[in-house]
N, C-alpha and C. Protein backbone atom coordinates (compact mmCIF):
# COMPACT_ATOMS: atom_id res chain seq x y z
N MET A 1 -6.24 -118.59 103.59
CA MET A 1 -7.01 -117.46 103.12
C MET A 1 -7.23 -116.49 104.29
N ARG A 2 -7.08 -115.23 104.03
CA ARG A 2 -7.20 -114.22 105.05
C ARG A 2 -8.60 -113.60 105.01
N THR A 3 -9.20 -113.40 106.17
CA THR A 3 -10.53 -112.80 106.20
C THR A 3 -10.39 -111.29 106.27
N VAL A 4 -11.31 -110.59 105.66
CA VAL A 4 -11.32 -109.14 105.68
C VAL A 4 -12.10 -108.69 106.92
N PRO A 5 -11.49 -107.84 107.77
CA PRO A 5 -12.18 -107.46 109.00
C PRO A 5 -13.47 -106.66 108.74
N HIS A 6 -13.48 -105.86 107.70
CA HIS A 6 -14.66 -105.06 107.37
C HIS A 6 -14.98 -105.29 105.89
N PRO A 7 -16.11 -105.92 105.58
CA PRO A 7 -16.44 -106.13 104.18
C PRO A 7 -16.57 -104.80 103.44
N ARG A 8 -16.17 -104.78 102.21
CA ARG A 8 -16.19 -103.55 101.44
C ARG A 8 -17.51 -103.41 100.68
N THR A 9 -18.57 -103.17 101.40
CA THR A 9 -19.87 -103.01 100.78
C THR A 9 -20.01 -101.64 100.15
N GLY A 10 -19.16 -100.71 100.50
CA GLY A 10 -19.20 -99.37 99.92
C GLY A 10 -18.92 -99.38 98.43
N GLU A 11 -18.09 -100.31 97.97
CA GLU A 11 -17.78 -100.38 96.55
C GLU A 11 -19.01 -100.78 95.76
N GLY A 12 -19.78 -101.74 96.27
CA GLY A 12 -21.01 -102.14 95.60
C GLY A 12 -22.03 -101.02 95.60
N ALA A 13 -22.14 -100.31 96.70
CA ALA A 13 -23.08 -99.18 96.78
C ALA A 13 -22.68 -98.08 95.81
N ALA A 14 -21.38 -97.82 95.68
CA ALA A 14 -20.91 -96.81 94.74
C ALA A 14 -21.24 -97.22 93.30
N PHE A 15 -21.05 -98.49 92.98
CA PHE A 15 -21.38 -98.97 91.64
C PHE A 15 -22.86 -98.78 91.34
N LEU A 16 -23.72 -99.16 92.29
CA LEU A 16 -25.16 -98.99 92.09
C LEU A 16 -25.54 -97.51 91.97
N GLY A 17 -24.87 -96.66 92.73
CA GLY A 17 -25.13 -95.23 92.65
C GLY A 17 -24.76 -94.66 91.29
N VAL A 18 -23.61 -95.06 90.77
CA VAL A 18 -23.17 -94.60 89.44
C VAL A 18 -24.13 -95.11 88.38
N LEU A 19 -24.51 -96.37 88.47
CA LEU A 19 -25.44 -96.93 87.50
C LEU A 19 -26.79 -96.19 87.52
N THR A 20 -27.27 -95.87 88.70
CA THR A 20 -28.53 -95.12 88.83
C THR A 20 -28.39 -93.73 88.20
N LEU A 21 -27.27 -93.05 88.46
CA LEU A 21 -27.07 -91.72 87.88
C LEU A 21 -27.00 -91.77 86.36
N VAL A 22 -26.35 -92.79 85.82
CA VAL A 22 -26.27 -92.91 84.36
C VAL A 22 -27.66 -93.07 83.77
N VAL A 23 -28.48 -93.90 84.39
CA VAL A 23 -29.85 -94.09 83.89
C VAL A 23 -30.64 -92.79 83.99
N LEU A 24 -30.52 -92.07 85.12
CA LEU A 24 -31.24 -90.80 85.27
C LEU A 24 -30.75 -89.75 84.28
N GLU A 25 -29.44 -89.68 84.05
CA GLU A 25 -28.90 -88.72 83.09
C GLU A 25 -29.38 -89.03 81.67
N THR A 26 -29.39 -90.31 81.32
CA THR A 26 -29.88 -90.70 80.00
C THR A 26 -31.34 -90.31 79.84
N GLY A 27 -32.12 -90.55 80.88
CA GLY A 27 -33.53 -90.15 80.84
C GLY A 27 -33.69 -88.65 80.73
N ALA A 28 -32.86 -87.88 81.44
CA ALA A 28 -32.95 -86.41 81.39
C ALA A 28 -32.61 -85.90 79.99
N VAL A 29 -31.59 -86.41 79.37
CA VAL A 29 -31.20 -85.97 78.04
C VAL A 29 -32.26 -86.36 77.01
N ASN A 30 -32.81 -87.57 77.14
CA ASN A 30 -33.80 -88.04 76.17
C ASN A 30 -35.14 -87.31 76.29
N THR A 31 -35.49 -86.86 77.48
CA THR A 31 -36.78 -86.18 77.67
C THR A 31 -36.68 -84.67 77.48
N ALA A 32 -35.47 -84.13 77.39
CA ALA A 32 -35.31 -82.68 77.20
C ALA A 32 -35.72 -82.30 75.78
N PRO A 33 -36.28 -81.10 75.62
CA PRO A 33 -36.60 -80.64 74.27
C PRO A 33 -35.33 -80.57 73.41
N ALA A 34 -35.48 -80.71 72.13
CA ALA A 34 -34.34 -80.76 71.21
C ALA A 34 -33.44 -79.54 71.35
N ARG A 35 -34.03 -78.35 71.56
CA ARG A 35 -33.21 -77.14 71.65
C ARG A 35 -32.41 -77.09 72.95
N ASP A 36 -32.86 -77.81 74.00
CA ASP A 36 -32.18 -77.78 75.29
C ASP A 36 -31.21 -78.95 75.49
N LYS A 37 -31.19 -79.90 74.58
CA LYS A 37 -30.33 -81.08 74.76
C LYS A 37 -28.85 -80.72 74.91
N PRO A 38 -28.29 -79.80 74.13
CA PRO A 38 -26.87 -79.47 74.33
C PRO A 38 -26.59 -78.88 75.72
N VAL A 39 -27.51 -78.05 76.22
CA VAL A 39 -27.32 -77.44 77.54
C VAL A 39 -27.42 -78.50 78.63
N VAL A 40 -28.43 -79.36 78.54
CA VAL A 40 -28.61 -80.42 79.54
C VAL A 40 -27.44 -81.39 79.48
N GLY A 41 -27.03 -81.77 78.28
CA GLY A 41 -25.88 -82.68 78.13
C GLY A 41 -24.60 -82.07 78.69
N GLY A 42 -24.38 -80.79 78.43
CA GLY A 42 -23.19 -80.10 78.95
C GLY A 42 -23.21 -80.03 80.47
N ALA A 43 -24.37 -79.72 81.03
CA ALA A 43 -24.48 -79.65 82.50
C ALA A 43 -24.23 -81.01 83.13
N LEU A 44 -24.79 -82.05 82.51
CA LEU A 44 -24.57 -83.39 83.04
C LEU A 44 -23.11 -83.82 82.89
N MET A 45 -22.49 -83.44 81.78
CA MET A 45 -21.07 -83.76 81.58
C MET A 45 -20.22 -83.05 82.63
N GLY A 46 -20.53 -81.80 82.90
CA GLY A 46 -19.79 -81.06 83.93
C GLY A 46 -19.95 -81.70 85.30
N ALA A 47 -21.18 -82.13 85.61
CA ALA A 47 -21.41 -82.80 86.89
C ALA A 47 -20.65 -84.11 86.96
N ALA A 48 -20.59 -84.85 85.85
CA ALA A 48 -19.85 -86.12 85.83
C ALA A 48 -18.36 -85.89 86.03
N VAL A 49 -17.81 -84.86 85.39
CA VAL A 49 -16.38 -84.55 85.56
C VAL A 49 -16.10 -84.14 87.00
N ALA A 50 -16.97 -83.32 87.58
CA ALA A 50 -16.78 -82.91 88.99
C ALA A 50 -16.85 -84.11 89.92
N ALA A 51 -17.78 -85.02 89.67
CA ALA A 51 -17.89 -86.23 90.49
C ALA A 51 -16.64 -87.09 90.34
N PHE A 52 -16.13 -87.22 89.12
CA PHE A 52 -14.91 -88.00 88.89
C PHE A 52 -13.73 -87.41 89.65
N ILE A 53 -13.59 -86.08 89.60
CA ILE A 53 -12.48 -85.42 90.31
C ILE A 53 -12.62 -85.64 91.82
N LEU A 54 -13.83 -85.53 92.34
CA LEU A 54 -14.05 -85.75 93.77
C LEU A 54 -13.72 -87.18 94.17
N ILE A 55 -14.18 -88.15 93.38
CA ILE A 55 -13.90 -89.56 93.69
C ILE A 55 -12.40 -89.84 93.61
N ALA A 56 -11.73 -89.29 92.61
CA ALA A 56 -10.28 -89.48 92.47
C ALA A 56 -9.54 -88.89 93.66
N ALA A 57 -9.96 -87.71 94.13
CA ALA A 57 -9.31 -87.08 95.28
C ALA A 57 -9.53 -87.91 96.54
N LEU A 58 -10.75 -88.41 96.75
CA LEU A 58 -11.02 -89.25 97.92
C LEU A 58 -10.23 -90.55 97.87
N TRP A 59 -10.16 -91.16 96.69
CA TRP A 59 -9.39 -92.40 96.52
C TRP A 59 -7.92 -92.16 96.82
N HIS A 60 -7.38 -91.05 96.31
CA HIS A 60 -5.98 -90.71 96.56
C HIS A 60 -5.73 -90.49 98.05
N HIS A 61 -6.63 -89.79 98.71
CA HIS A 61 -6.49 -89.55 100.16
C HIS A 61 -6.53 -90.88 100.94
N HIS A 62 -7.45 -91.77 100.54
CA HIS A 62 -7.56 -93.07 101.20
C HIS A 62 -6.27 -93.88 101.03
N ARG A 63 -5.72 -93.89 99.83
CA ARG A 63 -4.47 -94.63 99.58
C ARG A 63 -3.32 -94.06 100.40
N GLN A 64 -3.22 -92.73 100.49
CA GLN A 64 -2.16 -92.12 101.29
C GLN A 64 -2.32 -92.47 102.77
N ALA A 65 -3.55 -92.49 103.26
CA ALA A 65 -3.79 -92.84 104.67
C ALA A 65 -3.37 -94.28 104.93
N GLU A 66 -3.66 -95.20 104.00
CA GLU A 66 -3.23 -96.59 104.16
C GLU A 66 -1.71 -96.70 104.17
N GLN A 67 -1.04 -95.95 103.31
CA GLN A 67 0.42 -95.99 103.28
C GLN A 67 1.01 -95.43 104.56
N ARG A 68 0.43 -94.35 105.10
CA ARG A 68 0.91 -93.81 106.37
C ARG A 68 0.71 -94.81 107.50
N ALA A 69 -0.41 -95.52 107.48
CA ALA A 69 -0.69 -96.51 108.53
C ALA A 69 0.31 -97.65 108.45
N ARG A 70 0.68 -98.06 107.26
CA ARG A 70 1.68 -99.13 107.13
C ARG A 70 3.03 -98.69 107.65
N ARG A 71 3.36 -97.39 107.48
CA ARG A 71 4.64 -96.90 107.98
C ARG A 71 4.63 -96.80 109.50
N VAL A 72 3.45 -96.55 110.10
CA VAL A 72 3.35 -96.45 111.55
C VAL A 72 3.63 -97.79 112.20
N VAL A 73 3.11 -98.87 111.64
CA VAL A 73 3.29 -100.20 112.21
C VAL A 73 3.86 -101.11 111.12
N PRO A 74 5.19 -101.19 111.00
CA PRO A 74 5.76 -102.06 109.98
C PRO A 74 5.48 -103.52 110.28
N ASP A 75 5.59 -104.38 109.25
CA ASP A 75 5.31 -105.80 109.41
C ASP A 75 6.25 -106.46 110.42
N ASP A 76 7.49 -106.10 110.39
CA ASP A 76 8.45 -106.75 111.27
C ASP A 76 9.24 -105.69 112.01
N LEU A 77 8.94 -105.48 113.27
CA LEU A 77 9.63 -104.47 114.05
C LEU A 77 11.02 -104.91 114.48
N GLY A 78 11.31 -106.17 114.36
CA GLY A 78 12.61 -106.67 114.75
C GLY A 78 12.65 -107.05 116.21
N ASP A 79 13.71 -107.73 116.58
CA ASP A 79 13.83 -108.22 117.95
C ASP A 79 14.27 -107.14 118.93
N GLY A 80 14.71 -105.97 118.44
CA GLY A 80 15.18 -104.91 119.32
C GLY A 80 14.11 -104.39 120.26
N LEU A 81 12.87 -104.38 119.84
CA LEU A 81 11.79 -103.90 120.69
C LEU A 81 11.22 -104.98 121.59
N PHE A 82 11.44 -106.22 121.21
CA PHE A 82 10.87 -107.33 121.97
C PHE A 82 11.86 -107.81 123.02
N THR A 83 11.97 -107.04 124.07
CA THR A 83 12.87 -107.39 125.16
C THR A 83 12.07 -108.07 126.27
N ALA A 84 12.78 -108.65 127.22
CA ALA A 84 12.10 -109.32 128.33
C ALA A 84 11.24 -108.31 129.10
N ARG A 85 11.73 -107.09 129.21
CA ARG A 85 10.97 -106.08 129.94
C ARG A 85 9.72 -105.65 129.18
N SER A 86 9.84 -105.45 127.85
CA SER A 86 8.68 -105.00 127.08
C SER A 86 7.63 -106.10 126.95
N LEU A 87 8.05 -107.36 127.00
CA LEU A 87 7.11 -108.48 126.87
C LEU A 87 6.66 -109.02 128.22
N GLU A 88 7.04 -108.35 129.29
CA GLU A 88 6.64 -108.80 130.63
C GLU A 88 5.12 -108.79 130.74
N GLY A 89 4.56 -109.91 131.16
CA GLY A 89 3.12 -110.05 131.31
C GLY A 89 2.42 -110.54 130.05
N PHE A 90 3.17 -110.78 128.96
CA PHE A 90 2.56 -111.26 127.73
C PHE A 90 1.87 -112.60 127.98
N PRO A 91 0.59 -112.73 127.63
CA PRO A 91 -0.17 -113.95 127.96
C PRO A 91 0.07 -115.09 126.95
N MET A 92 1.28 -115.65 126.98
CA MET A 92 1.65 -116.68 125.99
C MET A 92 0.73 -117.90 126.05
N GLU A 93 0.40 -118.35 127.22
CA GLU A 93 -0.45 -119.55 127.32
C GLU A 93 -1.84 -119.28 126.75
N ALA A 94 -2.33 -118.07 126.92
CA ALA A 94 -3.67 -117.74 126.41
C ALA A 94 -3.68 -117.59 124.89
N VAL A 95 -2.58 -117.11 124.29
CA VAL A 95 -2.55 -116.92 122.84
C VAL A 95 -2.05 -118.16 122.09
N ARG A 96 -1.49 -119.11 122.81
CA ARG A 96 -0.94 -120.31 122.16
C ARG A 96 -1.94 -121.02 121.23
N PRO A 97 -3.22 -121.19 121.62
CA PRO A 97 -4.17 -121.84 120.70
C PRO A 97 -4.33 -121.10 119.37
N PHE A 98 -4.19 -119.78 119.39
CA PHE A 98 -4.32 -119.01 118.15
C PHE A 98 -3.11 -119.19 117.24
N LEU A 99 -1.98 -119.56 117.83
CA LEU A 99 -0.75 -119.75 117.04
C LEU A 99 -0.71 -121.11 116.34
N LEU A 100 -1.62 -122.00 116.69
CA LEU A 100 -1.58 -123.36 116.17
C LEU A 100 -2.54 -123.58 115.01
N GLY A 101 -3.38 -122.63 114.68
CA GLY A 101 -4.38 -122.80 113.62
C GLY A 101 -3.77 -122.68 112.23
N PRO A 102 -4.54 -123.01 111.19
CA PRO A 102 -4.04 -122.95 109.82
C PRO A 102 -3.75 -121.52 109.36
N ASP A 103 -4.53 -120.55 109.79
CA ASP A 103 -4.29 -119.15 109.43
C ASP A 103 -3.73 -118.39 110.63
N ALA A 104 -2.80 -119.02 111.31
CA ALA A 104 -2.27 -118.46 112.55
C ALA A 104 -1.49 -117.18 112.30
N PRO A 105 -1.66 -116.19 113.18
CA PRO A 105 -0.86 -114.97 113.06
C PRO A 105 0.58 -115.26 113.45
N ARG A 106 1.48 -114.43 112.97
CA ARG A 106 2.89 -114.58 113.35
C ARG A 106 3.09 -114.11 114.79
N LEU A 107 4.02 -114.73 115.47
CA LEU A 107 4.29 -114.36 116.85
C LEU A 107 4.74 -112.91 116.95
N ASN A 108 5.53 -112.44 115.98
CA ASN A 108 5.97 -111.04 116.00
C ASN A 108 4.78 -110.08 115.90
N SER A 109 3.74 -110.47 115.17
CA SER A 109 2.55 -109.62 115.08
C SER A 109 1.84 -109.56 116.44
N LEU A 110 1.82 -110.68 117.13
CA LEU A 110 1.20 -110.67 118.48
C LEU A 110 2.04 -109.85 119.45
N TYR A 111 3.35 -109.97 119.35
CA TYR A 111 4.22 -109.15 120.19
C TYR A 111 4.00 -107.66 119.90
N THR A 112 3.89 -107.32 118.63
CA THR A 112 3.65 -105.93 118.25
C THR A 112 2.32 -105.44 118.82
N ALA A 113 1.27 -106.27 118.70
CA ALA A 113 -0.03 -105.91 119.26
C ALA A 113 0.07 -105.72 120.77
N TRP A 114 0.85 -106.57 121.43
CA TRP A 114 1.04 -106.46 122.87
C TRP A 114 1.70 -105.12 123.23
N LEU A 115 2.76 -104.77 122.49
CA LEU A 115 3.44 -103.50 122.77
C LEU A 115 2.49 -102.32 122.56
N LEU A 116 1.71 -102.37 121.49
CA LEU A 116 0.76 -101.29 121.25
C LEU A 116 -0.31 -101.23 122.34
N ALA A 117 -0.77 -102.39 122.79
CA ALA A 117 -1.78 -102.43 123.85
C ALA A 117 -1.21 -101.90 125.17
N THR A 118 0.03 -102.23 125.46
CA THR A 118 0.63 -101.75 126.72
C THR A 118 0.94 -100.26 126.65
N HIS A 119 0.96 -99.70 125.45
CA HIS A 119 1.19 -98.26 125.31
C HIS A 119 -0.12 -97.49 125.11
N GLY A 120 -1.26 -98.15 125.39
CA GLY A 120 -2.52 -97.44 125.44
C GLY A 120 -3.39 -97.49 124.21
N HIS A 121 -2.98 -98.18 123.16
CA HIS A 121 -3.83 -98.26 121.97
C HIS A 121 -4.99 -99.23 122.24
N ASP A 122 -6.16 -98.88 121.73
CA ASP A 122 -7.33 -99.72 121.96
C ASP A 122 -7.44 -100.82 120.91
N SER A 123 -8.37 -101.73 121.15
CA SER A 123 -8.55 -102.90 120.28
C SER A 123 -8.87 -102.51 118.84
N ALA A 124 -9.72 -101.52 118.67
CA ALA A 124 -10.11 -101.12 117.31
C ALA A 124 -8.92 -100.59 116.52
N TRP A 125 -8.08 -99.78 117.18
CA TRP A 125 -6.91 -99.22 116.50
C TRP A 125 -5.94 -100.33 116.11
N ILE A 126 -5.69 -101.25 117.03
CA ILE A 126 -4.76 -102.35 116.75
C ILE A 126 -5.32 -103.24 115.64
N ALA A 127 -6.61 -103.53 115.69
CA ALA A 127 -7.22 -104.37 114.65
C ALA A 127 -7.11 -103.71 113.29
N HIS A 128 -7.29 -102.41 113.23
CA HIS A 128 -7.22 -101.69 111.96
C HIS A 128 -5.82 -101.73 111.37
N HIS A 129 -4.81 -101.64 112.22
CA HIS A 129 -3.43 -101.55 111.72
C HIS A 129 -2.73 -102.90 111.58
N LEU A 130 -3.12 -103.89 112.35
CA LEU A 130 -2.40 -105.16 112.30
C LEU A 130 -3.20 -106.29 111.66
N HIS A 131 -4.49 -106.13 111.48
CA HIS A 131 -5.34 -107.15 110.84
C HIS A 131 -5.21 -108.51 111.52
N LEU A 132 -5.33 -108.50 112.84
CA LEU A 132 -5.31 -109.73 113.63
C LEU A 132 -6.73 -110.11 114.00
N PRO A 133 -6.96 -111.39 114.35
CA PRO A 133 -8.31 -111.79 114.77
C PRO A 133 -8.75 -110.99 116.01
N PRO A 134 -10.00 -110.54 116.05
CA PRO A 134 -10.46 -109.71 117.17
C PRO A 134 -10.33 -110.40 118.52
N GLU A 135 -10.50 -111.74 118.55
CA GLU A 135 -10.41 -112.45 119.83
C GLU A 135 -9.01 -112.30 120.43
N VAL A 136 -8.00 -112.38 119.58
CA VAL A 136 -6.61 -112.26 120.06
C VAL A 136 -6.36 -110.85 120.55
N ILE A 137 -6.83 -109.87 119.80
CA ILE A 137 -6.58 -108.48 120.17
C ILE A 137 -7.26 -108.15 121.49
N HIS A 138 -8.51 -108.59 121.66
CA HIS A 138 -9.20 -108.33 122.94
C HIS A 138 -8.48 -109.02 124.09
N LEU A 139 -8.01 -110.22 123.86
CA LEU A 139 -7.26 -110.95 124.89
C LEU A 139 -6.02 -110.16 125.30
N LEU A 140 -5.29 -109.65 124.30
CA LEU A 140 -4.06 -108.91 124.59
C LEU A 140 -4.34 -107.56 125.26
N THR A 141 -5.36 -106.85 124.79
CA THR A 141 -5.66 -105.55 125.41
C THR A 141 -6.18 -105.71 126.84
N ASP A 142 -6.96 -106.77 127.08
CA ASP A 142 -7.44 -107.02 128.45
C ASP A 142 -6.26 -107.34 129.37
N ALA A 143 -5.35 -108.18 128.88
CA ALA A 143 -4.17 -108.53 129.69
C ALA A 143 -3.30 -107.31 129.93
N ALA A 144 -3.17 -106.45 128.95
CA ALA A 144 -2.36 -105.23 129.11
C ALA A 144 -2.98 -104.30 130.15
N ARG A 145 -4.31 -104.20 130.15
CA ARG A 145 -4.99 -103.37 131.15
C ARG A 145 -4.79 -103.93 132.56
N GLN A 146 -4.85 -105.25 132.69
CA GLN A 146 -4.67 -105.88 133.99
C GLN A 146 -3.23 -105.75 134.47
N ARG A 147 -2.30 -105.65 133.55
CA ARG A 147 -0.88 -105.53 133.90
C ARG A 147 -0.60 -104.24 134.62
N HIS A 148 -1.31 -103.19 134.23
CA HIS A 148 -1.03 -101.86 134.83
C HIS A 148 -1.81 -101.70 136.07
């Protein structure tokens, strides 16, 4: 089982926010005078459609950003980038315990993280794009800094 680096509590907050708005809108329509109910209902419907369009646009933007991030760091870069020179200084003995666990990362993922660390990417960026355990990423970025 894979752990999620950042729990998605925003989804629960969004659900509670929508539920609260529905209750408030229902209360507003029910308490409005009979002659104003169509106007209040129409205004609330317009606000709901605008909110839906905004949420759909944000969701679409988020999905596109995730797809771009996956293209930046593919799952398997291949052996062409992993040369003796590019892997020079790789802390194999230090990462070996992480390779032996039940949810162990792939060695190619660690090599990729190493290359990114040696090219100046920080731990947060690597963690966001490769979804590796933070301990491994910090170990690799520290070793990359000491290498230079």
